[in-house]
Amino acid sequence: MNVAPMRGGTAVQDHVALAEIELCGELIIAASAAAERLSFDRIDEVLQVADWRERGVPGEAGGRSPRD
């Protein structure tokens, strides 16, 4: 199979996607270390939901939506 080279390099950075991948990794690590299923509270802790709420980030975990 031949693949055409991409012009300008292949280093594409999507910061949102990278953040989501990191959070998924954190969940996987927490789940693998747990003896049982993660509780909703533990999942919120791993995903740092409280931090997002405190910051009031628009559209995130209890923050104001962009339409407000």
PDB file of N, CA and C in Angstrom:
ATOM      1  N   MET A   1       0.848  -1.185   0.000  1.00  0.00           N
ATOM      2  CA  MET A   1       0.000   0.000   0.000  1.00  0.00           C
ATOM      3  C   MET A   1       0.886   1.238   0.000  1.00  0.00           C
ATOM      4  N   ASN A   2       0.631   2.137  -0.899  1.00  0.00           N
ATOM      5  CA  ASN A   2       1.381   3.386  -0.985  1.00  0.00           C
ATOM      6  C   ASN A   2       0.576   4.515  -0.376  1.00  0.00           C
ATOM      7  N   VAL A   3       1.255   5.322   0.424  1.00  0.00           N
ATOM      8  CA  VAL A   3       0.610   6.472   1.047  1.00  0.00           C
ATOM      9  C   VAL A   3       1.337   7.720   0.579  1.00  0.00           C
ATOM     10  N   ALA A   4       0.579   8.669   0.068  1.00  0.00           N
ATOM     11  CA  ALA A   4       1.176   9.917  -0.399  1.00  0.00           C
ATOM     12  C   ALA A   4       1.628  10.751   0.787  1.00  0.00           C
ATOM     13  N   PRO A   5       2.821  11.333   0.715  1.00  0.00           N
ATOM     14  CA  PRO A   5       3.289  12.179   1.822  1.00  0.00           C
ATOM     15  C   PRO A   5       2.444  13.445   1.940  1.00  0.00           C
ATOM     16  N   MET A   6       2.243  13.888   3.159  1.00  0.00           N
ATOM     17  CA  MET A   6       1.475  15.112   3.390  1.00  0.00           C
ATOM     18  C   MET A   6       2.406  16.313   3.297  1.00  0.00           C
ATOM     19  N   ARG A   7       1.917  17.346   2.697  1.00  0.00           N
ATOM     20  CA  ARG A   7       2.703  18.571   2.597  1.00  0.00           C
ATOM     21  C   ARG A   7       2.659  19.321   3.917  1.00  0.00           C
ATOM     22  N   GLY A   8       3.761  19.933   4.284  1.00  0.00           N
ATOM     23  CA  GLY A   8       3.799  20.761   5.482  1.00  0.00           C
ATOM     24  C   GLY A   8       3.903  19.966   6.773  1.00  0.00           C
ATOM     25  N   GLY A   9       4.224  18.710   6.703  1.00  0.00           N
ATOM     26  CA  GLY A   9       4.379  17.912   7.912  1.00  0.00           C
ATOM     27  C   GLY A   9       3.079  17.264   8.343  1.00  0.00           C
ATOM     28  N   THR A  10       3.186  16.384   9.309  1.00  0.00           N
ATOM     29  CA  THR A  10       2.010  15.649   9.770  1.00  0.00           C
ATOM     30  C   THR A  10       1.616  16.007  11.194  1.00  0.00           C
ATOM     31  N   ALA A  11       2.269  16.968  11.795  1.00  0.00           N
ATOM     32  CA  ALA A  11       2.010  17.328  13.191  1.00  0.00           C
ATOM     33  C   ALA A  11       0.799  18.246  13.286  1.00  0.00           C
ATOM     34  N   VAL A  12      -0.362  17.646  13.424  1.00  0.00           N
ATOM     35  CA  VAL A  12      -1.595  18.408  13.591  1.00  0.00           C
ATOM     36  C   VAL A  12      -1.961  18.359  15.066  1.00  0.00           C
ATOM     37  N   GLN A  13      -2.239  19.508  15.652  1.00  0.00           N
ATOM     38  CA  GLN A  13      -2.585  19.539  17.064  1.00  0.00           C
ATOM     39  C   GLN A  13      -4.005  20.054  17.234  1.00  0.00           C
ATOM     40  N   ASP A  14      -4.831  19.198  17.775  1.00  0.00           N
ATOM     41  CA  ASP A  14      -6.187  19.568  18.131  1.00  0.00           C
ATOM     42  C   ASP A  14      -6.228  19.525  19.647  1.00  0.00           C
ATOM     43  N   HIS A  15      -6.167  20.671  20.292  1.00  0.00           N
ATOM     44  CA  HIS A  15      -6.038  20.739  21.741  1.00  0.00           C
ATOM     45  C   HIS A  15      -7.229  20.117  22.467  1.00  0.00           C
ATOM     46  N   VAL A  16      -8.408  20.249  21.913  1.00  0.00           N
ATOM     47  CA  VAL A  16      -9.586  19.647  22.538  1.00  0.00           C
ATOM     48  C   VAL A  16      -9.483  18.132  22.485  1.00  0.00           C
ATOM     49  N   ALA A  17      -9.112  17.601  21.324  1.00  0.00           N
ATOM     50  CA  ALA A  17      -8.970  16.151  21.185  1.00  0.00           C
ATOM     51  C   ALA A  17      -7.877  15.627  22.106  1.00  0.00           C
ATOM     52  N   LEU A  18      -6.766  16.333  22.197  1.00  0.00           N
ATOM     53  CA  LEU A  18      -5.682  15.902  23.084  1.00  0.00           C
ATOM     54  C   LEU A  18      -6.126  15.910  24.542  1.00  0.00           C
ATOM     55  N   ALA A  19      -6.905  16.899  24.944  1.00  0.00           N
ATOM     56  CA  ALA A  19      -7.408  16.954  26.319  1.00  0.00           C
ATOM     57  C   ALA A  19      -8.368  15.795  26.587  1.00  0.00           C
ATOM     58  N   GLU A  20      -9.220  15.480  25.619  1.00  0.00           N
ATOM     59  CA  GLU A  20     -10.151  14.360  25.774  1.00  0.00           C
ATOM     60  C   GLU A  20      -9.407  13.036  25.877  1.00  0.00           C
ATOM     61  N   ILE A  21      -8.368  12.872  25.077  1.00  0.00           N
ATOM     62  CA  ILE A  21      -7.563  11.651  25.130  1.00  0.00           C
ATOM     63  C   ILE A  21      -6.889  11.528  26.491  1.00  0.00           C
ATOM     64  N   GLU A  22      -6.373  12.625  27.006  1.00  0.00           N
ATOM     65  CA  GLU A  22      -5.739  12.608  28.330  1.00  0.00           C
ATOM     66  C   GLU A  22      -6.745  12.231  29.422  1.00  0.00           C
ATOM     67  N   LEU A  23      -7.946  12.791  29.357  1.00  0.00           N
ATOM     68  CA  LEU A  23      -8.972  12.451  30.347  1.00  0.00           C
ATOM     69  C   LEU A  23      -9.382  10.984  30.253  1.00  0.00           C
ATOM     70  N   CYS A  24      -9.492  10.473  29.022  1.00  0.00           N
ATOM     71  CA  CYS A  24      -9.808   9.043  28.856  1.00  0.00           C
ATOM     72  C   CYS A  24      -8.709   8.184  29.464  1.00  0.00           C
ATOM     73  N   GLY A  25      -7.474   8.588  29.279  1.00  0.00           N
ATOM     74  CA  GLY A  25      -6.356   7.862  29.872  1.00  0.00           C
ATOM     75  C   GLY A  25      -6.426   7.864  31.387  1.00  0.00           C
ATOM     76  N   GLU A  26      -6.774   9.010  31.956  1.00  0.00           N
ATOM     77  CA  GLU A  26      -6.906   9.098  33.415  1.00  0.00           C
ATOM     78  C   GLU A  26      -8.018   8.174  33.921  1.00  0.00           C
ATOM     79  N   LEU A  27      -9.118   8.115  33.182  1.00  0.00           N
ATOM     80  CA  LEU A  27     -10.212   7.217  33.563  1.00  0.00           C
ATOM     81  C   LEU A  27      -9.782   5.751  33.473  1.00  0.00           C
ATOM     82  N   ILE A  28      -9.053   5.412  32.441  1.00  0.00           N
ATOM     83  CA  ILE A  28      -8.580   4.035  32.279  1.00  0.00           C
ATOM     84  C   ILE A  28      -7.651   3.653  33.422  1.00  0.00           C
ATOM     85  N   ILE A  29      -6.756   4.555  33.791  1.00  0.00           N
ATOM     86  CA  ILE A  29      -5.834   4.290  34.900  1.00  0.00           C
ATOM     87  C   ILE A  29      -6.609   4.106  36.199  1.00  0.00           C
ATOM     88  N   ALA A  30      -7.569   4.993  36.458  1.00  0.00           N
ATOM     89  CA  ALA A  30      -8.357   4.897  37.691  1.00  0.00           C
ATOM     90  C   ALA A  30      -9.176   3.613  37.713  1.00  0.00           C
ATOM     91  N   ALA A  31      -9.760   3.257  36.567  1.00  0.00           N
ATOM     92  CA  ALA A  31     -10.582   2.047  36.501  1.00  0.00           C
ATOM     93  C   ALA A  31      -9.729   0.795  36.690  1.00  0.00           C
ATOM     94  N   SER A  32      -8.534   0.788  36.140  1.00  0.00           N
ATOM     95  CA  SER A  32      -7.685  -0.391  36.271  1.00  0.00           C
ATOM     96  C   SER A  32      -7.150  -0.555  37.690  1.00  0.00           C
ATOM     97  N   ALA A  33      -7.062   0.535  38.431  1.00  0.00           N
ATOM     98  CA  ALA A  33      -6.574   0.474  39.809  1.00  0.00           C
ATOM     99  C   ALA A  33      -7.682   0.153  40.807  1.00  0.00           C
ATOM    100  N   ALA A  34      -8.931   0.284  40.379  1.00  0.00           N
ATOM    101  CA  ALA A  34     -10.065   0.077  41.281  1.00  0.00           C
ATOM    102  C   ALA A  34     -10.439  -1.409  41.346  1.00  0.00           C
ATOM    103  N   ALA A  35     -10.906  -1.827  42.511  1.00  0.00           N
ATOM    104  CA  ALA A  35     -11.352  -3.211  42.692  1.00  0.00           C
ATOM    105  C   ALA A  35     -12.741  -3.414  42.091  1.00  0.00           C
ATOM    106  N   GLU A  36     -13.549  -2.363  42.066  1.00  0.00           N
ATOM    107  CA  GLU A  36     -14.916  -2.432  41.555  1.00  0.00           C
ATOM    108  C   GLU A  36     -15.129  -1.305  40.550  1.00  0.00           C
ATOM    109  N   ARG A  37     -16.349  -1.225  40.032  1.00  0.00           N
ATOM    110  CA  ARG A  37     -16.683  -0.143  39.105  1.00  0.00           C
ATOM    111  C   ARG A  37     -16.504   1.199  39.785  1.00  0.00           C
ATOM    112  N   LEU A  38     -16.113   2.191  38.998  1.00  0.00           N
ATOM    113  CA  LEU A  38     -15.960   3.537  39.549  1.00  0.00           C
ATOM    114  C   LEU A  38     -17.335   4.133  39.827  1.00  0.00           C
ATOM    115  N   SER A  39     -17.466   4.776  40.978  1.00  0.00           N
ATOM    116  CA  SER A  39     -18.710   5.473  41.291  1.00  0.00           C
ATOM    117  C   SER A  39     -18.759   6.768  40.475  1.00  0.00           C
ATOM    118  N   PHE A  40     -19.945   7.332  40.375  1.00  0.00           N
ATOM    119  CA  PHE A  40     -20.066   8.613  39.666  1.00  0.00           C
ATOM    120  C   PHE A  40     -19.222   9.687  40.342  1.00  0.00           C
ATOM    121  N   ASP A  41     -19.162   9.675  41.666  1.00  0.00           N
ATOM    122  CA  ASP A  41     -18.345  10.656  42.390  1.00  0.00           C
ATOM    123  C   ASP A  41     -16.864  10.494  42.061  1.00  0.00           C
ATOM    124  N   ARG A  42     -16.401   9.248  41.962  1.00  0.00           N
ATOM    125  CA  ARG A  42     -14.991   8.996  41.638  1.00  0.00           C
ATOM    126  C   ARG A  42     -14.688   9.422  40.203  1.00  0.00           C
ATOM    127  N   ILE A  43     -15.613   9.161  39.300  1.00  0.00           N
ATOM    128  CA  ILE A  43     -15.426   9.589  37.913  1.00  0.00           C
ATOM    129  C   ILE A  43     -15.329  11.115  37.847  1.00  0.00           C
ATOM    130  N   ASP A  44     -16.226  11.804  38.563  1.00  0.00           N
ATOM    131  CA  ASP A  44     -16.166  13.276  38.609  1.00  0.00           C
ATOM    132  C   ASP A  44     -14.839  13.753  39.172  1.00  0.00           C
ATOM    133  N   GLU A  45     -14.337  13.046  40.178  1.00  0.00           N
ATOM    134  CA  GLU A  45     -13.052  13.415  40.779  1.00  0.00           C
ATOM    135  C   GLU A  45     -11.912  13.245  39.769  1.00  0.00           C
ATOM    136  N   VAL A  46     -11.897  12.126  39.070  1.00  0.00           N
ATOM    137  CA  VAL A  46     -10.853  11.867  38.076  1.00  0.00           C
ATOM    138  C   VAL A  46     -10.911  12.895  36.954  1.00  0.00           C
ATOM    139  N   LEU A  47     -12.128  13.249  36.532  1.00  0.00           N
ATOM    140  CA  LEU A  47     -12.294  14.211  35.444  1.00  0.00           C
ATOM    141  C   LEU A  47     -12.211  15.664  35.906  1.00  0.00           C
ATOM    142  N   GLN A  48     -12.021  15.857  37.202  1.00  0.00           N
ATOM    143  CA  GLN A  48     -11.879  17.191  37.790  1.00  0.00           C
ATOM    144  C   GLN A  48     -13.087  18.080  37.499  1.00  0.00           C
ATOM    145  N   VAL A  49     -14.273  17.499  37.636  1.00  0.00           N
ATOM    146  CA  VAL A  49     -15.514  18.227  37.365  1.00  0.00           C
ATOM    147  C   VAL A  49     -15.663  19.416  38.302  1.00  0.00           C
ATOM    148  N   ALA A  50     -15.322  19.238  39.565  1.00  0.00           N
ATOM    149  CA  ALA A  50     -15.450  20.341  40.531  1.00  0.00           C
ATOM    150  C   ALA A  50     -14.584  21.529  40.127  1.00  0.00           C
ATOM    151  N   ASP A  51     -13.389  21.252  39.600  1.00  0.00           N
ATOM    152  CA  ASP A  51     -12.505  22.338  39.161  1.00  0.00           C
ATOM    153  C   ASP A  51     -13.146  23.140  38.039  1.00  0.00           C
ATOM    154  N   TRP A  52     -13.788  22.444  37.091  1.00  0.00           N
ATOM    155  CA  TRP A  52     -14.455  23.135  35.990  1.00  0.00           C
ATOM    156  C   TRP A  52     -15.606  23.982  36.508  1.00  0.00           C
ATOM    157  N   ARG A  53     -16.350  23.446  37.473  1.00  0.00           N
ATOM    158  CA  ARG A  53     -17.488  24.197  38.029  1.00  0.00           C
ATOM    159  C   ARG A  53     -17.010  25.461  38.731  1.00  0.00           C
ATOM    160  N   GLU A  54     -15.909  25.345  39.483  1.00  0.00           N
ATOM    161  CA  GLU A  54     -15.377  26.511  40.200  1.00  0.00           C
ATOM    162  C   GLU A  54     -14.926  27.596  39.233  1.00  0.00           C
ATOM    163  N   ARG A  55     -14.346  27.190  38.115  1.00  0.00           N
ATOM    164  CA  ARG A  55     -13.868  28.153  37.133  1.00  0.00           C
ATOM    165  C   ARG A  55     -14.995  28.741  36.303  1.00  0.00           C
ATOM    166  N   GLY A  56     -16.153  28.053  36.260  1.00  0.00           N
ATOM    167  CA  GLY A  56     -17.281  28.542  35.470  1.00  0.00           C
ATOM    168  C   GLY A  56     -16.984  28.584  33.997  1.00  0.00           C
ATOM    169  N   VAL A  57     -16.287  27.559  33.500  1.00  0.00           N
ATOM    170  CA  VAL A  57     -15.923  27.502  32.093  1.00  0.00           C
ATOM    171  C   VAL A  57     -17.190  27.330  31.263  1.00  0.00           C
ATOM    172  N   PRO A  58     -17.430  28.188  30.264  1.00  0.00           N
ATOM    173  CA  PRO A  58     -18.651  28.106  29.463  1.00  0.00           C
ATOM    174  C   PRO A  58     -18.827  26.742  28.805  1.00  0.00           C
ATOM    175  N   GLY A  59     -20.033  26.198  28.950  1.00  0.00           N
ATOM    176  CA  GLY A  59     -20.361  24.947  28.294  1.00  0.00           C
ATOM    177  C   GLY A  59     -19.760  23.718  28.940  1.00  0.00           C
ATOM    178  N   GLU A  60     -19.079  23.860  30.045  1.00  0.00           N
ATOM    179  CA  GLU A  60     -18.423  22.725  30.686  1.00  0.00           C
ATOM    180  C   GLU A  60     -19.011  22.491  32.061  1.00  0.00           C
ATOM    181  N   ALA A  61     -19.308  21.263  32.374  1.00  0.00           N
ATOM    182  CA  ALA A  61     -19.662  20.775  33.716  1.00  0.00           C
ATOM    183  C   ALA A  61     -20.258  21.826  34.638  1.00  0.00           C
ATOM    184  N   GLY A  62     -21.389  22.341  34.274  1.00  0.00           N
ATOM    185  CA  GLY A  62     -22.082  23.259  35.165  1.00  0.00           C
ATOM    186  C   GLY A  62     -21.740  24.720  34.948  1.00  0.00           C
ATOM    187  N   GLY A  63     -20.802  24.991  34.042  1.00  0.00           N
ATOM    188  CA  GLY A  63     -20.501  26.384  33.741  1.00  0.00           C
ATOM    189  C   GLY A  63     -21.621  26.995  32.935  1.00  0.00           C
ATOM    190  N   ARG A  64     -21.567  28.291  32.720  1.00  0.00           N
ATOM    191  CA  ARG A  64     -22.607  28.947  31.929  1.00  0.00           C
ATOM    192  C   ARG A  64     -22.450  28.551  30.482  1.00  0.00           C
ATOM    193  N   SER A  65     -23.546  28.368  29.809  1.00  0.00           N
ATOM    194  CA  SER A  65     -23.476  28.040  28.387  1.00  0.00           C
ATOM    195  C   SER A  65     -23.162  29.292  27.600  1.00  0.00           C
ATOM    196  N   PRO A  66     -22.611  29.131  26.400  1.00  0.00           N
ATOM    197  CA  PRO A  66     -22.268  30.297  25.582  1.00  0.00           C
ATOM    198  C   PRO A  66     -23.485  31.149  25.228  1.00  0.00           C
ATOM    199  N   ARG A  67     -24.695  30.587  25.316  1.00  0.00           N
ATOM    200  CA  ARG A  67     -25.909  31.342  24.980  1.00  0.00           C
ATOM    201  C   ARG A  67     -26.374  32.224  26.127  1.00  0.00           C
ATOM    202  N   ASP A  68     -25.843  32.017  27.344  1.00  0.00           N
ATOM    203  CA  ASP A  68     -26.280  32.810  28.510  1.00  0.00           C
ATOM    204  C   ASP A  68     -25.741  34.214  28.462  1.00  0.00           C
TER     205      ASP A  68
END
